[in-house]
Amino acid sequence: MPTRFVLIQPSHAGNVGAAARALKVMGFDDLVLVEPRWDDVLTRDETIERASGATDVLQKARAVDTLDEALEGMTHVLATVMTPRDFGPPTFTPREHLATIAPQGQNVCFLFGSERYGMRNEDVYRCHAALRIPVSPDYGSLNLAAAIQVIAYEWRVALGGFDAPPMQPTQAADAAAVGGMLRHWEQALVSIGFLDPAAPKKLMPRLNQMFNRAQPTPEEIHILRGVAKAMAEAAKKAKP
């Protein structure tokens, strides 16, 4: 779905670079700057450094003079605000609103205001809705790039997210391997005096049940056998 992130009058080059990085990790790459502080902000060293590899997003990004230019082609425009406006579009949490518009196939545009002042009222009034990230009532100040990351994440989730990489299945050692390891341990426990072969009680069956629940891998069985071997060798050296 076409998605654009617009930064209005950004004043810190580092935030522009960090914004590019935030977009790239969520699979977005349409970044527009309105009246940035520096004409060369997209190529400044600090911007590129903070982008941390998202230079393709910076190369595609563009700077424009007016918000009208930034909104071309967008059909659903969303402001980001810290406090709801008395007059203007309704305010929602990102998750609440984005879930409702994701199925509509709109060209969505997220607007972010300047670092110092946030969004101007006249810009908020142009939007279809405003988004307020739920934050601690004791400290609600979000860095610009951090706010972009949160919004980009919530939008990606609303669009269906990314499939997690498949987990490589682990193969448990077979019963014969577990049994061999336990016999090795039994010998080692006797050698260090922990197990009395004349009165073993239920120690080995309990260990057997514990390892059955743990389902150790063949590599872990190898480690446990190494531990048993080290116990036996230490006990042998300790004998007078």
C-alpha atoms as a PDB file:
ATOM      1  CA  MET A   1       0.000   0.000   0.000  1.00  0.00           C
ATOM      2  CA  PRO A   2       1.469   3.435  -0.903  1.00  0.00           C
ATOM      3  CA  THR A   3       2.762   4.996   2.314  1.00  0.00           C
ATOM      4  CA  ARG A   4       4.573   8.290   2.796  1.00  0.00           C
ATOM      5  CA  PHE A   5       6.262   9.798   5.832  1.00  0.00           C
ATOM      6  CA  VAL A   6       6.530  13.593   5.836  1.00  0.00           C
ATOM      7  CA  LEU A   7       8.770  15.583   8.173  1.00  0.00           C
ATOM      8  CA  ILE A   8       7.743  19.221   8.440  1.00  0.00           C
ATOM      9  CA  GLN A   9      10.638  21.623   9.034  1.00  0.00           C
ATOM     10  CA  PRO A  10      13.076  19.091  10.486  1.00  0.00           C
ATOM     11  CA  SER A  11      15.973  20.846  12.201  1.00  0.00           C
ATOM     12  CA  HIS A  12      18.335  17.995  13.165  1.00  0.00           C
ATOM     13  CA  ALA A  13      20.200  16.105  10.463  1.00  0.00           C
ATOM     14  CA  GLY A  14      20.620  13.120  12.773  1.00  0.00           C
ATOM     15  CA  ASN A  15      16.864  12.758  13.106  1.00  0.00           C
ATOM     16  CA  VAL A  16      16.475  12.656   9.339  1.00  0.00           C
ATOM     17  CA  GLY A  17      19.013   9.852   9.107  1.00  0.00           C
ATOM     18  CA  ALA A  18      17.430   7.975  12.009  1.00  0.00           C
ATOM     19  CA  ALA A  19      14.019   8.400  10.363  1.00  0.00           C
ATOM     20  CA  ALA A  20      15.340   6.778   7.180  1.00  0.00           C
ATOM     21  CA  ARG A  21      16.623   3.873   9.234  1.00  0.00           C
ATOM     22  CA  ALA A  22      13.287   3.526  11.045  1.00  0.00           C
ATOM     23  CA  LEU A  23      11.431   3.383   7.737  1.00  0.00           C
ATOM     24  CA  LYS A  24      13.750   0.873   6.126  1.00  0.00           C
ATOM     25  CA  VAL A  25      13.507  -1.693   8.918  1.00  0.00           C
ATOM     26  CA  MET A  26       9.721  -1.575   8.557  1.00  0.00           C
ATOM     27  CA  GLY A  27       9.821  -1.860   4.769  1.00  0.00           C
ATOM     28  CA  PHE A  28       8.945   1.749   3.843  1.00  0.00           C
ATOM     29  CA  ASP A  29      11.006   4.103   1.694  1.00  0.00           C
ATOM     30  CA  ASP A  30       8.911   7.181   0.805  1.00  0.00           C
ATOM     31  CA  LEU A  31      10.318  10.061   2.874  1.00  0.00           C
ATOM     32  CA  VAL A  32       9.587  13.728   2.148  1.00  0.00           C
ATOM     33  CA  LEU A  33      10.978  16.753   3.994  1.00  0.00           C
ATOM     34  CA  VAL A  34       9.105  20.051   3.994  1.00  0.00           C
ATOM     35  CA  GLU A  35      11.303  23.122   4.441  1.00  0.00           C
ATOM     36  CA  PRO A  36      14.220  21.355   6.121  1.00  0.00           C
ATOM     37  CA  ARG A  37      16.711  23.500   8.005  1.00  0.00           C
ATOM     38  CA  TRP A  38      19.511  22.656   5.552  1.00  0.00           C
ATOM     39  CA  ASP A  39      19.229  22.325   1.803  1.00  0.00           C
ATOM     40  CA  ASP A  40      21.796  19.532   1.854  1.00  0.00           C
ATOM     41  CA  VAL A  41      20.336  17.666   4.848  1.00  0.00           C
ATOM     42  CA  LEU A  42      19.919  14.424   2.890  1.00  0.00           C
ATOM     43  CA  THR A  43      23.639  14.251   2.126  1.00  0.00           C
ATOM     44  CA  ARG A  44      25.147  15.620   5.347  1.00  0.00           C
ATOM     45  CA  ASP A  45      27.599  13.366   7.175  1.00  0.00           C
ATOM     46  CA  GLU A  46      25.475  13.201  10.331  1.00  0.00           C
ATOM     47  CA  THR A  47      22.412  12.218   8.323  1.00  0.00           C
ATOM     48  CA  ILE A  48      24.199   9.400   6.539  1.00  0.00           C
ATOM     49  CA  GLU A  49      25.850   8.204   9.743  1.00  0.00           C
ATOM     50  CA  ARG A  50      22.549   8.010  11.638  1.00  0.00           C
ATOM     51  CA  ALA A  51      20.856   6.280   8.703  1.00  0.00           C
ATOM     52  CA  SER A  52      23.110   3.310   9.488  1.00  0.00           C
ATOM     53  CA  GLY A  53      22.899   1.696   6.070  1.00  0.00           C
ATOM     54  CA  ALA A  54      19.502   3.073   4.994  1.00  0.00           C
ATOM     55  CA  THR A  55      21.183   5.295   2.409  1.00  0.00           C
ATOM     56  CA  ASP A  56      18.850   4.023  -0.303  1.00  0.00           C
ATOM     57  CA  VAL A  57      15.944   5.647   1.565  1.00  0.00           C
ATOM     58  CA  LEU A  58      17.905   8.914   1.748  1.00  0.00           C
ATOM     59  CA  GLN A  59      18.735   8.753  -1.950  1.00  0.00           C
ATOM     60  CA  LYS A  60      15.067   8.336  -2.805  1.00  0.00           C
ATOM     61  CA  ALA A  61      13.902  10.994  -0.307  1.00  0.00           C
ATOM     62  CA  ARG A  62      13.174  14.526  -1.465  1.00  0.00           C
ATOM     63  CA  ALA A  63      12.871  17.979   0.018  1.00  0.00           C
ATOM     64  CA  VAL A  64      10.000  20.280  -0.985  1.00  0.00           C
ATOM     65  CA  ASP A  65       8.983  23.834  -0.202  1.00  0.00           C
ATOM     66  CA  THR A  66       5.333  23.313   0.720  1.00  0.00           C
ATOM     67  CA  LEU A  67       3.133  20.764   2.437  1.00  0.00           C
ATOM     68  CA  ASP A  68       0.912  20.747  -0.656  1.00  0.00           C
ATOM     69  CA  GLU A  69       3.759  19.252  -2.671  1.00  0.00           C
ATOM     70  CA  ALA A  70       4.364  16.610   0.001  1.00  0.00           C
ATOM     71  CA  LEU A  71       0.712  15.562   0.013  1.00  0.00           C
ATOM     72  CA  GLU A  72       0.360  15.008  -3.726  1.00  0.00           C
ATOM     73  CA  GLY A  73      -1.263  11.647  -4.418  1.00  0.00           C
ATOM     74  CA  MET A  74      -2.122  10.964  -0.765  1.00  0.00           C
ATOM     75  CA  THR A  75      -5.742  10.159   0.104  1.00  0.00           C
ATOM     76  CA  HIS A  76      -5.601   9.649   3.879  1.00  0.00           C
ATOM     77  CA  VAL A  77      -3.434  12.069   5.853  1.00  0.00           C
ATOM     78  CA  LEU A  78      -2.605  11.496   9.509  1.00  0.00           C
ATOM     79  CA  ALA A  79      -1.142  14.018  11.932  1.00  0.00           C
ATOM     80  CA  THR A  80       0.965  12.968  14.912  1.00  0.00           C
ATOM     81  CA  VAL A  81       0.219  14.938  18.075  1.00  0.00           C
ATOM     82  CA  MET A  82       1.123  14.849  21.744  1.00  0.00           C
ATOM     83  CA  THR A  83      -2.133  16.440  22.889  1.00  0.00           C
ATOM     84  CA  PRO A  84      -5.542  16.346  21.135  1.00  0.00           C
ATOM     85  CA  ARG A  85      -6.689  19.630  19.570  1.00  0.00           C
ATOM     86  CA  ASP A  86      -9.937  21.267  20.725  1.00  0.00           C
ATOM     87  CA  PHE A  87     -10.823  21.772  17.092  1.00  0.00           C
ATOM     88  CA  GLY A  88      -9.797  19.581  14.230  1.00  0.00           C
ATOM     89  CA  PRO A  89      -9.753  15.908  13.259  1.00  0.00           C
ATOM     90  CA  PRO A  90     -10.532  13.158  15.785  1.00  0.00           C
ATOM     91  CA  THR A  91      -7.599  11.756  17.736  1.00  0.00           C
ATOM     92  CA  PHE A  92      -6.894   8.033  18.046  1.00  0.00           C
ATOM     93  CA  THR A  93      -4.133   5.753  19.217  1.00  0.00           C
ATOM     94  CA  PRO A  94      -2.131   4.399  16.275  1.00  0.00           C
ATOM     95  CA  ARG A  95      -3.224   0.787  16.744  1.00  0.00           C
ATOM     96  CA  GLU A  96      -6.870   1.780  17.104  1.00  0.00           C
ATOM     97  CA  HIS A  97      -7.040   3.804  13.891  1.00  0.00           C
ATOM     98  CA  LEU A  98      -4.568   2.034  11.643  1.00  0.00           C
ATOM     99  CA  ALA A  99      -6.366  -1.278  11.982  1.00  0.00           C
ATOM    100  CA  THR A 100      -9.483   0.351  10.533  1.00  0.00           C
ATOM    101  CA  ILE A 101      -7.831   1.919   7.482  1.00  0.00           C
ATOM    102  CA  ALA A 102      -5.439  -0.879   6.515  1.00  0.00           C
ATOM    103  CA  PRO A 103      -8.119  -2.811   4.556  1.00  0.00           C
ATOM    104  CA  GLN A 104      -9.255   0.291   2.641  1.00  0.00           C
ATOM    105  CA  GLY A 105      -6.353   0.498   0.205  1.00  0.00           C
ATOM    106  CA  GLN A 106      -5.766   4.210   0.685  1.00  0.00           C
ATOM    107  CA  ASN A 107      -2.580   6.151  -0.034  1.00  0.00           C
ATOM    108  CA  VAL A 108      -1.597   6.903   3.543  1.00  0.00           C
ATOM    109  CA  CYS A 109       0.571   9.811   4.635  1.00  0.00           C
ATOM    110  CA  PHE A 110       1.961  10.354   8.141  1.00  0.00           C
ATOM    111  CA  LEU A 111       2.905  13.905   9.109  1.00  0.00           C
ATOM    112  CA  PHE A 112       5.445  14.778  11.786  1.00  0.00           C
ATOM    113  CA  GLY A 113       6.080  18.313  13.020  1.00  0.00           C
ATOM    114  CA  SER A 114       9.318  20.044  13.918  1.00  0.00           C
ATOM    115  CA  GLU A 115      11.412  18.778  16.810  1.00  0.00           C
ATOM    116  CA  ARG A 116      10.867  21.906  18.896  1.00  0.00           C
ATOM    117  CA  TYR A 117       7.205  22.720  18.338  1.00  0.00           C
ATOM    118  CA  GLY A 118       5.500  19.653  16.951  1.00  0.00           C
ATOM    119  CA  MET A 119       2.767  20.139  14.370  1.00  0.00           C
ATOM    120  CA  ARG A 120       1.178  23.496  13.704  1.00  0.00           C
ATOM    121  CA  ASN A 121      -2.579  23.673  14.137  1.00  0.00           C
ATOM    122  CA  GLU A 122      -3.118  24.683  10.522  1.00  0.00           C
ATOM    123  CA  ASP A 123      -1.323  21.518   9.395  1.00  0.00           C
ATOM    124  CA  VAL A 124      -3.238  19.306  11.816  1.00  0.00           C
ATOM    125  CA  TYR A 125      -6.531  20.708  10.545  1.00  0.00           C
ATOM    126  CA  ARG A 126      -5.746  19.445   7.057  1.00  0.00           C
ATOM    127  CA  CYS A 127      -5.582  15.848   8.243  1.00  0.00           C
ATOM    128  CA  HIS A 128      -8.257  13.179   8.279  1.00  0.00           C
ATOM    129  CA  ALA A 129      -7.266  12.030  11.775  1.00  0.00           C
ATOM    130  CA  ALA A 130      -4.615  12.601  14.412  1.00  0.00           C
ATOM    131  CA  LEU A 131      -2.547   9.891  16.077  1.00  0.00           C
ATOM    132  CA  ARG A 132      -1.364  10.093  19.670  1.00  0.00           C
ATOM    133  CA  ILE A 133       1.114   7.496  20.896  1.00  0.00           C
ATOM    134  CA  PRO A 134       0.158   6.333  24.413  1.00  0.00           C
ATOM    135  CA  VAL A 135       3.043   7.346  26.667  1.00  0.00           C
ATOM    136  CA  SER A 136       3.683   7.777  30.376  1.00  0.00           C
ATOM    137  CA  PRO A 137       1.695  10.700  31.807  1.00  0.00           C
ATOM    138  CA  ASP A 138       4.816  11.671  33.773  1.00  0.00           C
ATOM    139  CA  TYR A 139       7.019  12.066  30.691  1.00  0.00           C
ATOM    140  CA  GLY A 140       5.489  12.144  27.231  1.00  0.00           C
ATOM    141  CA  SER A 141       8.334  13.632  25.180  1.00  0.00           C
ATOM    142  CA  LEU A 142       9.287  11.360  22.276  1.00  0.00           C
ATOM    143  CA  ASN A 143      12.276  11.956  20.039  1.00  0.00           C
ATOM    144  CA  LEU A 144      11.173  12.521  16.441  1.00  0.00           C
ATOM    145  CA  ALA A 145      12.895   9.412  15.095  1.00  0.00           C
ATOM    146  CA  ALA A 146      11.519   7.319  17.963  1.00  0.00           C
ATOM    147  CA  ALA A 147       7.988   8.480  17.190  1.00  0.00           C
ATOM    148  CA  ILE A 148       8.484   7.630  13.518  1.00  0.00           C
ATOM    149  CA  GLN A 149       9.695   4.153  14.487  1.00  0.00           C
ATOM    150  CA  VAL A 150       6.606   3.535  16.622  1.00  0.00           C
ATOM    151  CA  ILE A 151       4.218   4.705  13.910  1.00  0.00           C
ATOM    152  CA  ALA A 152       6.045   2.760  11.190  1.00  0.00           C
ATOM    153  CA  TYR A 153       5.905  -0.376  13.322  1.00  0.00           C
ATOM    154  CA  GLU A 154       2.207  -0.003  14.098  1.00  0.00           C
ATOM    155  CA  TRP A 155       1.413   0.580  10.427  1.00  0.00           C
ATOM    156  CA  ARG A 156       3.420  -2.461   9.383  1.00  0.00           C
ATOM    157  CA  VAL A 157       1.561  -4.568  11.958  1.00  0.00           C
ATOM    158  CA  ALA A 158      -1.780  -3.262  10.661  1.00  0.00           C
ATOM    159  CA  LEU A 159      -0.722  -4.242   7.138  1.00  0.00           C
ATOM    160  CA  GLY A 160       0.017  -7.787   8.252  1.00  0.00           C
ATOM    161  CA  GLY A 161       3.587  -7.546   9.465  1.00  0.00           C
ATOM    162  CA  PHE A 162       6.497  -9.652   8.296  1.00  0.00           C
ATOM    163  CA  ASP A 163       6.700 -13.403   8.645  1.00  0.00           C
ATOM    164  CA  ALA A 164       9.160 -14.411  11.332  1.00  0.00           C
ATOM    165  CA  PRO A 165      12.092 -16.460  10.026  1.00  0.00           C
ATOM    166  CA  PRO A 166      11.397 -20.161  10.497  1.00  0.00           C
ATOM    167  CA  MET A 167      12.953 -21.732  13.550  1.00  0.00           C
ATOM    168  CA  GLN A 168      15.366 -24.536  12.831  1.00  0.00           C
ATOM    169  CA  PRO A 169      13.887 -27.636  14.478  1.00  0.00           C
ATOM    170  CA  THR A 170      16.049 -29.184  17.165  1.00  0.00           C
ATOM    171  CA  GLN A 171      16.276 -32.937  17.266  1.00  0.00           C
ATOM    172  CA  ALA A 172      16.174 -34.580  20.669  1.00  0.00           C
ATOM    173  CA  ALA A 173      18.619 -37.354  21.433  1.00  0.00           C
ATOM    174  CA  ASP A 174      17.076 -40.823  21.265  1.00  0.00           C
ATOM    175  CA  ALA A 175      16.315 -42.928  24.333  1.00  0.00           C
ATOM    176  CA  ALA A 176      19.409 -45.087  23.830  1.00  0.00           C
ATOM    177  CA  ALA A 177      21.678 -42.028  23.944  1.00  0.00           C
ATOM    178  CA  VAL A 178      19.967 -40.731  27.086  1.00  0.00           C
ATOM    179  CA  GLY A 179      20.280 -44.194  28.683  1.00  0.00           C
ATOM    180  CA  GLY A 180      23.995 -44.388  27.842  1.00  0.00           C
ATOM    181  CA  MET A 181      24.590 -40.924  29.290  1.00  0.00           C
ATOM    182  CA  LEU A 182      22.737 -41.854  32.498  1.00  0.00           C
ATOM    183  CA  ARG A 183      24.860 -44.997  32.964  1.00  0.00           C
ATOM    184  CA  HIS A 184      27.930 -42.818  32.524  1.00  0.00           C
ATOM    185  CA  TRP A 185      26.571 -40.390  35.123  1.00  0.00           C
ATOM    186  CA  GLU A 186      25.738 -43.220  37.505  1.00  0.00           C
ATOM    187  CA  GLN A 187      29.360 -44.365  37.437  1.00  0.00           C
ATOM    188  CA  ALA A 188      30.601 -40.798  37.955  1.00  0.00           C
ATOM    189  CA  LEU A 189      28.207 -40.146  40.843  1.00  0.00           C
ATOM    190  CA  VAL A 190      29.399 -43.302  42.548  1.00  0.00           C
ATOM    191  CA  SER A 191      33.024 -42.280  42.034  1.00  0.00           C
ATOM    192  CA  ILE A 192      32.514 -38.923  43.789  1.00  0.00           C
ATOM    193  CA  GLY A 193      30.500 -40.493  46.616  1.00  0.00           C
ATOM    194  CA  PHE A 194      27.202 -38.852  45.750  1.00  0.00           C
ATOM    195  CA  LEU A 195      25.453 -42.149  44.911  1.00  0.00           C
ATOM    196  CA  ASP A 196      25.644 -45.198  47.174  1.00  0.00           C
ATOM    197  CA  PRO A 197      25.251 -48.251  44.911  1.00  0.00           C
ATOM    198  CA  ALA A 198      24.077 -50.277  47.907  1.00  0.00           C
ATOM    199  CA  ALA A 199      21.194 -47.855  48.536  1.00  0.00           C
ATOM    200  CA  PRO A 200      20.529 -45.972  45.274  1.00  0.00           C
ATOM    201  CA  LYS A 201      16.924 -45.183  46.193  1.00  0.00           C
ATOM    202  CA  LYS A 202      15.188 -43.397  43.273  1.00  0.00           C
ATOM    203  CA  LEU A 203      18.050 -41.134  42.198  1.00  0.00           C
ATOM    204  CA  MET A 204      18.678 -42.564  38.737  1.00  0.00           C
ATOM    205  CA  PRO A 205      14.974 -42.998  37.783  1.00  0.00           C
ATOM    206  CA  ARG A 206      14.378 -39.392  38.862  1.00  0.00           C
ATOM    207  CA  LEU A 207      17.303 -38.196  36.748  1.00  0.00           C
ATOM    208  CA  ASN A 208      15.948 -40.272  33.868  1.00  0.00           C
ATOM    209  CA  GLN A 209      12.565 -38.540  34.154  1.00  0.00           C
ATOM    210  CA  MET A 210      14.203 -35.127  34.385  1.00  0.00           C
ATOM    211  CA  PHE A 211      16.204 -35.655  31.196  1.00  0.00           C
ATOM    212  CA  ASN A 212      13.155 -37.057  29.410  1.00  0.00           C
ATOM    213  CA  ARG A 213      11.327 -33.814  30.183  1.00  0.00           C
ATOM    214  CA  ALA A 214      14.329 -31.730  29.101  1.00  0.00           C
ATOM    215  CA  GLN A 215      14.691 -33.605  25.798  1.00  0.00           C
ATOM    216  CA  PRO A 216      18.429 -32.921  25.426  1.00  0.00           C
ATOM    217  CA  THR A 217      19.925 -32.794  21.941  1.00  0.00           C
ATOM    218  CA  PRO A 218      22.761 -35.110  20.866  1.00  0.00           C
ATOM    219  CA  GLU A 219      25.194 -32.218  21.385  1.00  0.00           C
ATOM    220  CA  GLU A 220      23.917 -31.721  24.946  1.00  0.00           C
ATOM    221  CA  ILE A 221      24.266 -35.454  25.634  1.00  0.00           C
ATOM    222  CA  HIS A 222      27.886 -35.155  24.523  1.00  0.00           C
ATOM    223  CA  ILE A 223      28.427 -32.277  26.972  1.00  0.00           C
ATOM    224  CA  LEU A 224      26.824 -34.223  29.843  1.00  0.00           C
ATOM    225  CA  ARG A 225      29.035 -37.194  29.116  1.00  0.00           C
ATOM    226  CA  GLY A 226      32.026 -34.853  29.236  1.00  0.00           C
ATOM    227  CA  VAL A 227      30.918 -33.631  32.665  1.00  0.00           C
ATOM    228  CA  ALA A 228      30.604 -37.224  33.903  1.00  0.00           C
ATOM    229  CA  LYS A 229      34.059 -38.041  32.560  1.00  0.00           C
ATOM    230  CA  ALA A 230      35.557 -34.997  34.306  1.00  0.00           C
ATOM    231  CA  MET A 231      33.875 -35.961  37.604  1.00  0.00           C
ATOM    232  CA  ALA A 232      35.278 -39.487  37.400  1.00  0.00           C
ATOM    233  CA  GLU A 233      38.786 -38.255  36.580  1.00  0.00           C
ATOM    234  CA  ALA A 234      38.696 -35.723  39.436  1.00  0.00           C
ATOM    235  CA  ALA A 235      37.579 -38.426  41.848  1.00  0.00           C
ATOM    236  CA  LYS A 236      40.382 -40.739  40.684  1.00  0.00           C
ATOM    237  CA  LYS A 237      43.012 -38.053  41.257  1.00  0.00           C
ATOM    238  CA  ALA A 238      41.625 -37.261  44.700  1.00  0.00           C
ATOM    239  CA  LYS A 239      42.062 -40.852  45.962  1.00  0.00           C
ATOM    240  CA  PRO A 240      45.165 -41.376  48.145  1.00  0.00           C
END
